[in-house]
Amino acid sequence: MIASPGGAPHAVITGGRRRLVVAVRDSWRVQDRWWTDDPVDRAYFDVVIEPGRVALVYREASGDWFIHG
């Protein structure tokens, strides 16, 4: 995943290919289990990648990126 300076991804690597993000449809943050030794802190992005596919990606607080699902 390649992030823009604003934090949203501008490219996704899927199937061994780099695909540009053409739109961010929505974004939100999930912070949960902060009271435990394993808290969740993620920034989610609902994106459209070329050629018109939709993906849900998220960034952990550590900076690591993942494609959900």
PDB file of N, CA and C in Angstrom:
ATOM      1  N   MET A   1       0.847  -1.166   0.000  1.00  0.00           N
ATOM      2  CA  MET A   1       0.000   0.000   0.000  1.00  0.00           C
ATOM      3  C   MET A   1       0.894   1.231   0.000  1.00  0.00           C
ATOM      4  N   ILE A   2       0.513   2.211  -0.759  1.00  0.00           N
ATOM      5  CA  ILE A   2       1.259   3.459  -0.808  1.00  0.00           C
ATOM      6  C   ILE A   2       0.312   4.565  -0.376  1.00  0.00           C
ATOM      7  N   ALA A   3       0.663   5.265   0.698  1.00  0.00           N
ATOM      8  CA  ALA A   3      -0.216   6.294   1.254  1.00  0.00           C
ATOM      9  C   ALA A   3       0.161   7.671   0.735  1.00  0.00           C
ATOM     10  N   SER A   4      -0.840   8.516   0.620  1.00  0.00           N
ATOM     11  CA  SER A   4      -0.613   9.911   0.274  1.00  0.00           C
ATOM     12  C   SER A   4      -0.246  10.667   1.543  1.00  0.00           C
ATOM     13  N   PRO A   5       0.254  11.886   1.421  1.00  0.00           N
ATOM     14  CA  PRO A   5       0.602  12.651   2.624  1.00  0.00           C
ATOM     15  C   PRO A   5      -0.568  12.825   3.594  1.00  0.00           C
ATOM     16  N   GLY A   6      -1.809  12.813   3.094  1.00  0.00           N
ATOM     17  CA  GLY A   6      -2.972  12.953   3.952  1.00  0.00           C
ATOM     18  C   GLY A   6      -3.345  11.678   4.681  1.00  0.00           C
ATOM     19  N   GLY A   7      -2.684  10.574   4.359  1.00  0.00           N
ATOM     20  CA  GLY A   7      -2.923   9.323   5.051  1.00  0.00           C
ATOM     21  C   GLY A   7      -3.733   8.302   4.286  1.00  0.00           C
ATOM     22  N   ALA A   8      -4.512   8.732   3.301  1.00  0.00           N
ATOM     23  CA  ALA A   8      -5.306   7.786   2.513  1.00  0.00           C
ATOM     24  C   ALA A   8      -4.403   7.086   1.499  1.00  0.00           C
ATOM     25  N   PRO A   9      -4.731   5.849   1.152  1.00  0.00           N
ATOM     26  CA  PRO A   9      -3.902   5.147   0.168  1.00  0.00           C
ATOM     27  C   PRO A   9      -4.097   5.728  -1.225  1.00  0.00           C
ATOM     28  N   HIS A  10      -3.034   5.762  -2.021  1.00  0.00           N
ATOM     29  CA  HIS A  10      -3.205   6.187  -3.405  1.00  0.00           C
ATOM     30  C   HIS A  10      -2.857   5.059  -4.371  1.00  0.00           C
ATOM     31  N   ALA A  11      -2.380   3.925  -3.842  1.00  0.00           N
ATOM     32  CA  ALA A  11      -2.159   2.730  -4.658  1.00  0.00           C
ATOM     33  C   ALA A  11      -2.270   1.498  -3.767  1.00  0.00           C
ATOM     34  N   VAL A  12      -2.721   0.402  -4.372  1.00  0.00           N
ATOM     35  CA  VAL A  12      -2.891  -0.869  -3.674  1.00  0.00           C
ATOM     36  C   VAL A  12      -2.172  -1.937  -4.492  1.00  0.00           C
ATOM     37  N   ILE A  13      -1.471  -2.832  -3.817  1.00  0.00           N
ATOM     38  CA  ILE A  13      -0.862  -3.964  -4.510  1.00  0.00           C
ATOM     39  C   ILE A  13      -1.739  -5.179  -4.244  1.00  0.00           C
ATOM     40  N   THR A  14      -2.320  -5.699  -5.313  1.00  0.00           N
ATOM     41  CA  THR A  14      -3.202  -6.859  -5.204  1.00  0.00           C
ATOM     42  C   THR A  14      -2.947  -7.782  -6.389  1.00  0.00           C
ATOM     43  N   GLY A  15      -2.880  -9.064  -6.120  1.00  0.00           N
ATOM     44  CA  GLY A  15      -2.600 -10.020  -7.183  1.00  0.00           C
ATOM     45  C   GLY A  15      -1.243  -9.803  -7.818  1.00  0.00           C
ATOM     46  N   GLY A  16      -0.310  -9.243  -7.049  1.00  0.00           N
ATOM     47  CA  GLY A  16       1.030  -8.989  -7.562  1.00  0.00           C
ATOM     48  C   GLY A  16       1.138  -7.773  -8.460  1.00  0.00           C
ATOM     49  N   ARG A  17       0.053  -7.002  -8.580  1.00  0.00           N
ATOM     50  CA  ARG A  17       0.057  -5.809  -9.438  1.00  0.00           C
ATOM     51  C   ARG A  17      -0.276  -4.567  -8.637  1.00  0.00           C
ATOM     52  N   ARG A  18       0.341  -3.479  -9.012  1.00  0.00           N
ATOM     53  CA  ARG A  18       0.061  -2.178  -8.391  1.00  0.00           C
ATOM     54  C   ARG A  18      -1.133  -1.556  -9.104  1.00  0.00           C
ATOM     55  N   ARG A  19      -2.145  -1.202  -8.324  1.00  0.00           N
ATOM     56  CA  ARG A  19      -3.357  -0.577  -8.869  1.00  0.00           C
ATOM     57  C   ARG A  19      -3.551   0.778  -8.203  1.00  0.00           C
ATOM     58  N   LEU A  20      -3.829   1.781  -9.001  1.00  0.00           N
ATOM     59  CA  LEU A  20      -4.063   3.117  -8.460  1.00  0.00           C
ATOM     60  C   LEU A  20      -5.429   3.199  -7.799  1.00  0.00           C
ATOM     61  N   VAL A  21      -5.507   3.955  -6.720  1.00  0.00           N
ATOM     62  CA  VAL A  21      -6.787   4.269  -6.089  1.00  0.00           C
ATOM     63  C   VAL A  21      -7.353   5.470  -6.835  1.00  0.00           C
ATOM     64  N   VAL A  22      -8.523   5.303  -7.432  1.00  0.00           N
ATOM     65  CA  VAL A  22      -9.118   6.393  -8.200  1.00  0.00           C
ATOM     66  C   VAL A  22     -10.102   7.213  -7.374  1.00  0.00           C
ATOM     67  N   ALA A  23     -10.569   6.649  -6.244  1.00  0.00           N
ATOM     68  CA  ALA A  23     -11.479   7.392  -5.367  1.00  0.00           C
ATOM     69  C   ALA A  23     -11.497   6.754  -3.985  1.00  0.00           C
ATOM     70  N   VAL A  24     -11.645   7.601  -2.984  1.00  0.00           N
ATOM     71  CA  VAL A  24     -11.896   7.146  -1.617  1.00  0.00           C
ATOM     72  C   VAL A  24     -13.362   7.443  -1.347  1.00  0.00           C
ATOM     73  N   ARG A  25     -14.175   6.387  -1.216  1.00  0.00           N
ATOM     74  CA  ARG A  25     -15.618   6.576  -1.033  1.00  0.00           C
ATOM     75  C   ARG A  25     -15.977   6.935   0.397  1.00  0.00           C
ATOM     76  N   ASP A  26     -15.193   6.433   1.350  1.00  0.00           N
ATOM     77  CA  ASP A  26     -15.473   6.704   2.761  1.00  0.00           C
ATOM     78  C   ASP A  26     -14.228   6.369   3.563  1.00  0.00           C
ATOM     79  N   SER A  27     -14.134   6.939   4.747  1.00  0.00           N
ATOM     80  CA  SER A  27     -13.045   6.594   5.666  1.00  0.00           C
ATOM     81  C   SER A  27     -13.556   6.747   7.093  1.00  0.00           C
ATOM     82  N   TRP A  28     -13.012   5.939   7.990  1.00  0.00           N
ATOM     83  CA  TRP A  28     -13.385   6.008   9.400  1.00  0.00           C
ATOM     84  C   TRP A  28     -12.289   5.372  10.235  1.00  0.00           C
ATOM     85  N   ARG A  29     -12.337   5.635  11.514  1.00  0.00           N
ATOM     86  CA  ARG A  29     -11.337   5.113  12.443  1.00  0.00           C
ATOM     87  C   ARG A  29     -12.028   4.216  13.468  1.00  0.00           C
ATOM     88  N   VAL A  30     -11.372   3.109  13.800  1.00  0.00           N
ATOM     89  CA  VAL A  30     -11.859   2.191  14.826  1.00  0.00           C
ATOM     90  C   VAL A  30     -10.807   2.114  15.923  1.00  0.00           C
ATOM     91  N   GLN A  31     -11.222   2.475  17.123  1.00  0.00           N
ATOM     92  CA  GLN A  31     -10.364   2.341  18.304  1.00  0.00           C
ATOM     93  C   GLN A  31     -11.159   1.548  19.326  1.00  0.00           C
ATOM     94  N   ASP A  32     -10.640   0.377  19.682  1.00  0.00           N
ATOM     95  CA  ASP A  32     -11.373  -0.533  20.555  1.00  0.00           C
ATOM     96  C   ASP A  32     -10.384  -1.298  21.419  1.00  0.00           C
ATOM     97  N   ARG A  33     -10.896  -1.903  22.450  1.00  0.00           N
ATOM     98  CA  ARG A  33     -10.104  -2.710  23.388  1.00  0.00           C
ATOM     99  C   ARG A  33      -8.892  -1.944  23.928  1.00  0.00           C
ATOM    100  N   TRP A  34      -9.025  -0.632  24.067  1.00  0.00           N
ATOM    101  CA  TRP A  34      -7.925   0.203  24.566  1.00  0.00           C
ATOM    102  C   TRP A  34      -7.557  -0.139  26.003  1.00  0.00           C
ATOM    103  N   TRP A  35      -8.433  -0.810  26.693  1.00  0.00           N
ATOM    104  CA  TRP A  35      -8.196  -1.170  28.090  1.00  0.00           C
ATOM    105  C   TRP A  35      -7.428  -2.492  28.225  1.00  0.00           C
ATOM    106  N   THR A  36      -7.106  -3.155  27.091  1.00  0.00           N
ATOM    107  CA  THR A  36      -6.424  -4.450  27.136  1.00  0.00           C
ATOM    108  C   THR A  36      -4.963  -4.308  26.704  1.00  0.00           C
ATOM    109  N   ASP A  37      -4.247  -5.422  26.743  1.00  0.00           N
ATOM    110  CA  ASP A  37      -2.862  -5.447  26.256  1.00  0.00           C
ATOM    111  C   ASP A  37      -2.787  -5.553  24.736  1.00  0.00           C
ATOM    112  N   ASP A  38      -3.927  -5.719  24.085  1.00  0.00           N
ATOM    113  CA  ASP A  38      -3.976  -5.863  22.630  1.00  0.00           C
ATOM    114  C   ASP A  38      -5.031  -4.924  22.039  1.00  0.00           C
ATOM    115  N   PRO A  39      -4.816  -3.610  22.129  1.00  0.00           N
ATOM    116  CA  PRO A  39      -5.821  -2.671  21.632  1.00  0.00           C
ATOM    117  C   PRO A  39      -5.899  -2.673  20.102  1.00  0.00           C
ATOM    118  N   VAL A  40      -7.021  -2.215  19.584  1.00  0.00           N
ATOM    119  CA  VAL A  40      -7.240  -2.086  18.146  1.00  0.00           C
ATOM    120  C   VAL A  40      -7.282  -0.599  17.819  1.00  0.00           C
ATOM    121  N   ASP A  41      -6.471  -0.187  16.862  1.00  0.00           N
ATOM    122  CA  ASP A  41      -6.461   1.203  16.393  1.00  0.00           C
ATOM    123  C   ASP A  41      -6.211   1.158  14.889  1.00  0.00           C
ATOM    124  N   ARG A  42      -7.295   1.311  14.114  1.00  0.00           N
ATOM    125  CA  ARG A  42      -7.208   1.178  12.662  1.00  0.00           C
ATOM    126  C   ARG A  42      -7.898   2.341  11.963  1.00  0.00           C
ATOM    127  N   ALA A  43      -7.345   2.724  10.828  1.00  0.00           N
ATOM    128  CA  ALA A  43      -7.976   3.688   9.934  1.00  0.00           C
ATOM    129  C   ALA A  43      -8.437   2.916   8.698  1.00  0.00           C
ATOM    130  N   TYR A  44      -9.741   2.915   8.444  1.00  0.00           N
ATOM    131  CA  TYR A  44     -10.319   2.184   7.320  1.00  0.00           C
ATOM    132  C   TYR A  44     -10.597   3.132   6.157  1.00  0.00           C
ATOM    133  N   PHE A  45     -10.457   2.604   4.938  1.00  0.00           N
ATOM    134  CA  PHE A  45     -10.736   3.361   3.725  1.00  0.00           C
ATOM    135  C   PHE A  45     -11.488   2.457   2.751  1.00  0.00           C
ATOM    136  N   ASP A  46     -12.653   2.913   2.327  1.00  0.00           N
ATOM    137  CA  ASP A  46     -13.437   2.236   1.296  1.00  0.00           C
ATOM    138  C   ASP A  46     -13.023   2.889  -0.015  1.00  0.00           C
ATOM    139  N   VAL A  47     -12.282   2.168  -0.854  1.00  0.00           N
ATOM    140  CA  VAL A  47     -11.671   2.771  -2.034  1.00  0.00           C
ATOM    141  C   VAL A  47     -12.132   2.098  -3.320  1.00  0.00           C
ATOM    142  N   VAL A  48     -12.029   2.850  -4.400  1.00  0.00           N
ATOM    143  CA  VAL A  48     -12.220   2.317  -5.746  1.00  0.00           C
ATOM    144  C   VAL A  48     -10.838   2.258  -6.373  1.00  0.00           C
ATOM    145  N   ILE A  49     -10.452   1.055  -6.825  1.00  0.00           N
ATOM    146  CA  ILE A  49      -9.158   0.902  -7.482  1.00  0.00           C
ATOM    147  C   ILE A  49      -9.389   0.599  -8.951  1.00  0.00           C
ATOM    148  N   GLU A  50      -8.418   0.982  -9.778  1.00  0.00           N
ATOM    149  CA  GLU A  50      -8.568   0.690 -11.201  1.00  0.00           C
ATOM    150  C   GLU A  50      -8.554  -0.812 -11.413  1.00  0.00           C
ATOM    151  N   PRO A  51      -9.291  -1.375 -12.253  1.00  0.00           N
ATOM    152  CA  PRO A  51     -10.243  -0.797 -13.199  1.00  0.00           C
ATOM    153  C   PRO A  51     -11.678  -0.817 -12.675  1.00  0.00           C
ATOM    154  N   GLY A  52     -11.978  -0.053 -11.657  1.00  0.00           N
ATOM    155  CA  GLY A  52     -13.333   0.078 -11.141  1.00  0.00           C
ATOM    156  C   GLY A  52     -13.718  -0.900 -10.051  1.00  0.00           C
ATOM    157  N   ARG A  53     -12.748  -1.576  -9.471  1.00  0.00           N
ATOM    158  CA  ARG A  53     -13.045  -2.499  -8.366  1.00  0.00           C
ATOM    159  C   ARG A  53     -13.102  -1.747  -7.047  1.00  0.00           C
ATOM    160  N   VAL A  54     -13.874  -2.279  -6.104  1.00  0.00           N
ATOM    161  CA  VAL A  54     -14.004  -1.679  -4.774  1.00  0.00           C
ATOM    162  C   VAL A  54     -13.233  -2.544  -3.785  1.00  0.00           C
ATOM    163  N   ALA A  55     -12.534  -1.894  -2.851  1.00  0.00           N
ATOM    164  CA  ALA A  55     -11.781  -2.625  -1.827  1.00  0.00           C
ATOM    165  C   ALA A  55     -11.899  -1.886  -0.504  1.00  0.00           C
ATOM    166  N   LEU A  56     -11.847  -2.649   0.567  1.00  0.00           N
ATOM    167  CA  LEU A  56     -11.800  -2.079   1.909  1.00  0.00           C
ATOM    168  C   LEU A  56     -10.395  -2.329   2.441  1.00  0.00           C
ATOM    169  N   VAL A  57      -9.660  -1.261   2.679  1.00  0.00           N
ATOM    170  CA  VAL A  57      -8.292  -1.379   3.178  1.00  0.00           C
ATOM    171  C   VAL A  57      -8.197  -0.671   4.516  1.00  0.00           C
ATOM    172  N   TYR A  58      -7.226  -1.098   5.330  1.00  0.00           N
ATOM    173  CA  TYR A  58      -7.033  -0.417   6.604  1.00  0.00           C
ATOM    174  C   TYR A  58      -5.567  -0.358   6.972  1.00  0.00           C
ATOM    175  N   ARG A  59      -5.249   0.642   7.785  1.00  0.00           N
ATOM    176  CA  ARG A  59      -3.897   0.857   8.287  1.00  0.00           C
ATOM    177  C   ARG A  59      -3.923   0.703   9.796  1.00  0.00           C
ATOM    178  N   GLU A  60      -3.070  -0.184  10.296  1.00  0.00           N
ATOM    179  CA  GLU A  60      -2.910  -0.348  11.740  1.00  0.00           C
ATOM    180  C   GLU A  60      -2.146   0.852  12.295  1.00  0.00           C
ATOM    181  N   ALA A  61      -2.227   1.071  13.591  1.00  0.00           N
ATOM    182  CA  ALA A  61      -1.488   2.155  14.236  1.00  0.00           C
ATOM    183  C   ALA A  61       0.015   1.995  14.014  1.00  0.00           C
ATOM    184  N   SER A  62       0.471   0.768  13.790  1.00  0.00           N
ATOM    185  CA  SER A  62       1.891   0.497  13.534  1.00  0.00           C
ATOM    186  C   SER A  62       2.338   1.021  12.175  1.00  0.00           C
ATOM    187  N   GLY A  63       1.363   1.339  11.288  1.00  0.00           N
ATOM    188  CA  GLY A  63       1.683   1.800   9.943  1.00  0.00           C
ATOM    189  C   GLY A  63       1.539   0.717   8.887  1.00  0.00           C
ATOM    190  N   ASP A  64       1.288  -0.526   9.306  1.00  0.00           N
ATOM    191  CA  ASP A  64       1.100  -1.631   8.365  1.00  0.00           C
ATOM    192  C   ASP A  64      -0.276  -1.541   7.707  1.00  0.00           C
ATOM    193  N   TRP A  65      -0.330  -1.857   6.405  1.00  0.00           N
ATOM    194  CA  TRP A  65      -1.561  -1.812   5.630  1.00  0.00           C
ATOM    195  C   TRP A  65      -2.069  -3.215   5.327  1.00  0.00           C
ATOM    196  N   PHE A  66      -3.408  -3.347   5.223  1.00  0.00           N
ATOM    197  CA  PHE A  66      -4.034  -4.630   4.916  1.00  0.00           C
ATOM    198  C   PHE A  66      -5.262  -4.396   4.047  1.00  0.00           C
ATOM    199  N   ILE A  67      -5.578  -5.397   3.221  1.00  0.00           N
ATOM    200  CA  ILE A  67      -6.838  -5.412   2.485  1.00  0.00           C
ATOM    201  C   ILE A  67      -7.776  -6.311   3.267  1.00  0.00           C
ATOM    202  N   HIS A  68      -8.942  -5.797   3.622  1.00  0.00           N
ATOM    203  CA  HIS A  68      -9.915  -6.551   4.420  1.00  0.00           C
ATOM    204  C   HIS A  68     -10.677  -7.508   3.517  1.00  0.00           C
ATOM    205  N   GLY A  69     -10.763  -8.765   3.941  1.00  0.00           N
ATOM    206  CA  GLY A  69     -11.562  -9.736   3.216  1.00  0.00           C
ATOM    207  C   GLY A  69     -10.869 -10.473   2.140  1.00  0.00           C
TER     208      GLY A  69
END
